[in-house]
Amino acid sequence: MAKEPKLTLQVGDEAPQFTAATNGGGKVALADYRGKNVVLYFYPKDDTPGCTKEACAFRDEFAEFKKQGAIVLGVSTDPVASHDRFAQKFKLPFTLLADEDKAIVHAYGVWGEKTFMGRKYLGTHRVTFLIGPDGRIKRIWSGVKPAEHAAEVLAAV
């Protein structure tokens, strides 16, 4: 199991700003969503078992997030083409951000050492930030259970 990252951001902090390429060929900036709750969830890799469970859970709760006026953004270091395939394969209705230069994962402190089957490597930790309408972090979840996480986040929106 991956060890938890030591997060430098805390509840109440201003969320780091970013602009990123998205699945479907667009670009978004966090500033575009000022005035709304934003669920910014970081995941390791497109189309892997845990990440697929988590993405599908957000997909299944998406109508409720939308009803609450919340924006859901998934972030990984995979390229746009990978996001396009992942979103299409699993009919993901929310935006996926391609952080190929790792600027966003570093800004949010979710990039770090992980261990899988005894091998250490650097990768993205599974962490979610709930960013309030004022641009400040309202809640942080780390070490999440992929299948149950979307419902947990929805309850906090």
Protein backbone atom coordinates (compact mmCIF):
# COMPACT_ATOMS: atom_id res chain seq x y z
CA MET A 1 0.00 0.00 0.00
CA ALA A 2 1.28 3.48 -0.84
CA LYS A 3 2.40 5.54 2.08
CA GLU A 4 0.42 8.73 2.58
CA PRO A 5 1.98 11.89 1.17
CA LYS A 6 2.93 14.65 3.59
CA LEU A 7 0.60 17.34 2.30
CA THR A 8 1.72 20.94 2.63
CA LEU A 9 -1.71 22.37 1.78
CA GLN A 10 -4.28 22.56 4.55
CA VAL A 11 -7.96 23.31 4.89
CA GLY A 12 -8.42 27.08 4.61
CA ASP A 13 -5.45 27.59 2.27
CA GLU A 14 -5.93 29.30 -1.09
CA ALA A 15 -6.03 26.53 -3.74
CA PRO A 16 -3.07 26.74 -6.14
CA GLN A 17 -4.16 28.10 -9.53
CA PHE A 18 -3.58 26.13 -12.71
CA THR A 19 -4.47 25.89 -16.38
CA ALA A 20 -4.44 22.48 -18.06
CA ALA A 21 -5.33 20.66 -21.26
CA THR A 22 -8.42 18.46 -20.99
CA ASN A 23 -9.91 15.40 -22.59
CA GLY A 24 -11.88 16.46 -25.65
CA GLY A 25 -9.22 18.96 -26.69
CA GLY A 26 -10.04 21.90 -24.42
CA LYS A 27 -8.23 23.85 -21.74
CA VAL A 28 -9.50 24.88 -18.33
CA ALA A 29 -8.22 27.01 -15.49
CA LEU A 30 -9.23 26.71 -11.86
CA ALA A 31 -10.18 30.41 -12.04
CA ASP A 32 -12.92 29.47 -14.55
CA TYR A 33 -14.86 27.89 -11.67
CA ARG A 34 -14.66 30.73 -9.13
CA GLY A 35 -17.98 30.88 -7.28
CA LYS A 36 -18.55 27.10 -7.43
CA ASN A 37 -17.48 24.12 -5.37
CA VAL A 38 -14.78 22.20 -7.23
CA VAL A 39 -13.95 18.56 -6.54
CA LEU A 40 -10.34 18.18 -7.68
CA TYR A 41 -9.41 14.54 -7.47
CA PHE A 42 -5.93 13.23 -8.24
CA TYR A 43 -5.46 9.66 -9.41
CA PRO A 44 -2.39 7.68 -10.54
CA LYS A 45 -3.22 6.34 -14.02
CA ASP A 46 -6.00 6.06 -16.59
CA ASP A 47 -7.69 2.69 -17.08
CA THR A 48 -6.12 0.88 -14.12
CA PRO A 49 -8.31 -1.05 -11.66
CA GLY A 50 -8.42 1.40 -8.72
CA CYS A 51 -8.54 4.50 -10.89
CA THR A 52 -11.34 3.04 -13.00
CA LYS A 53 -13.37 2.22 -9.87
CA GLU A 54 -12.90 5.75 -8.58
CA ALA A 55 -13.73 7.41 -11.93
CA CYS A 56 -16.84 5.24 -12.38
CA ALA A 57 -17.99 6.08 -8.85
CA PHE A 58 -17.72 9.80 -9.68
CA ARG A 59 -19.52 9.08 -12.97
CA ASP A 60 -22.35 7.31 -11.14
CA GLU A 61 -22.77 10.22 -8.69
CA PHE A 62 -22.21 12.92 -11.33
CA ALA A 63 -25.88 13.94 -11.64
CA GLU A 64 -25.96 14.57 -7.89
CA PHE A 65 -22.74 16.62 -7.98
CA LYS A 66 -24.24 18.64 -10.82
CA LYS A 67 -27.49 19.11 -8.89
CA GLN A 68 -25.41 20.49 -5.99
CA GLY A 69 -23.68 22.86 -8.43
CA ALA A 70 -20.29 21.20 -7.95
CA ILE A 71 -17.67 20.75 -10.66
CA VAL A 72 -15.74 17.45 -10.82
CA LEU A 73 -12.22 17.48 -12.25
CA GLY A 74 -9.98 14.40 -12.39
CA VAL A 75 -6.22 14.94 -12.64
CA SER A 76 -3.44 12.57 -13.63
CA THR A 77 -0.12 12.92 -15.40
CA ASP A 78 -1.41 10.92 -18.39
CA PRO A 79 -1.58 12.69 -21.77
CA VAL A 80 -4.80 14.00 -23.34
CA ALA A 81 -5.03 11.05 -25.77
CA SER A 82 -5.05 8.62 -22.83
CA HIS A 83 -7.73 10.70 -21.07
CA ASP A 84 -9.82 10.70 -24.25
CA ARG A 85 -9.72 6.89 -24.44
CA PHE A 86 -10.43 6.51 -20.69
CA ALA A 87 -13.37 8.94 -20.74
CA GLN A 88 -14.84 7.36 -23.85
CA LYS A 89 -14.41 3.77 -22.67
CA PHE A 90 -16.15 4.41 -19.33
CA LYS A 91 -18.50 7.23 -20.46
CA LEU A 92 -17.07 9.70 -17.97
CA PRO A 93 -19.18 12.90 -18.03
CA PHE A 94 -16.68 15.10 -16.17
CA THR A 95 -13.44 16.74 -17.26
CA LEU A 96 -10.04 15.03 -16.97
CA LEU A 97 -6.96 17.25 -16.77
CA ALA A 98 -3.66 16.22 -18.37
CA ASP A 99 -0.81 17.24 -16.06
CA GLU A 100 2.03 15.92 -18.19
CA ASP A 101 4.58 18.42 -16.86
CA LYS A 102 3.50 17.53 -13.30
CA ALA A 103 2.94 21.20 -12.38
CA ILE A 104 -0.44 20.56 -10.75
CA VAL A 105 0.56 17.42 -8.81
CA HIS A 106 3.59 19.30 -7.46
CA ALA A 107 1.56 22.43 -6.60
CA TYR A 108 -0.90 20.31 -4.62
CA GLY A 109 1.82 18.13 -3.05
CA VAL A 110 0.41 14.82 -4.28
CA TRP A 111 3.48 13.66 -6.26
CA GLY A 112 5.85 11.53 -4.25
CA GLU A 113 7.37 8.18 -3.39
CA LYS A 114 5.12 5.17 -3.58
CA THR A 115 5.70 1.46 -3.15
CA PHE A 116 4.10 -1.33 -5.15
CA MET A 117 5.03 -4.98 -4.62
CA GLY A 118 8.20 -3.94 -2.83
CA ARG A 119 9.33 -1.57 -5.59
CA LYS A 120 9.69 2.14 -4.81
CA TYR A 121 8.87 4.69 -7.48
CA LEU A 122 7.55 8.24 -7.88
CA GLY A 123 3.90 8.72 -8.72
CA THR A 124 0.63 10.49 -8.01
CA HIS A 125 -1.05 9.82 -4.68
CA ARG A 126 -4.82 9.37 -4.61
CA VAL A 127 -5.91 12.61 -2.93
CA THR A 128 -9.03 14.76 -3.35
CA PHE A 129 -9.45 18.45 -2.59
CA LEU A 130 -12.81 20.17 -2.21
CA ILE A 131 -12.28 23.78 -3.21
CA GLY A 132 -14.96 26.24 -2.14
CA PRO A 133 -16.55 29.03 -4.16
CA ASP A 134 -14.04 31.46 -2.59
CA GLY A 135 -11.07 29.49 -3.99
CA ARG A 136 -10.06 28.13 -0.60
CA ILE A 137 -9.63 24.46 0.28
CA LYS A 138 -12.67 23.27 2.26
CA ARG A 139 -11.73 19.62 2.71
CA ILE A 140 -8.92 17.17 1.87
CA TRP A 141 -9.12 13.39 1.59
CA SER A 142 -6.02 11.22 1.24
CA GLY A 143 -5.69 7.46 1.25
CA VAL A 144 -9.18 7.12 -0.20
CA LYS A 145 -11.02 3.90 -1.03
CA PRO A 146 -11.73 4.26 -4.77
CA ALA A 147 -15.18 2.62 -4.90
CA GLU A 148 -16.63 4.53 -1.92
CA HIS A 149 -14.91 7.86 -2.30
CA ALA A 150 -17.35 9.72 -4.60
CA ALA A 151 -20.26 9.23 -2.16
CA GLU A 152 -18.03 10.44 0.70
CA VAL A 153 -17.14 13.61 -1.24
CA LEU A 154 -20.74 14.19 -2.32
CA ALA A 155 -21.84 14.14 1.32
CA ALA A 156 -19.40 17.01 2.03
CA VAL A 157 -20.37 19.25 -0.92
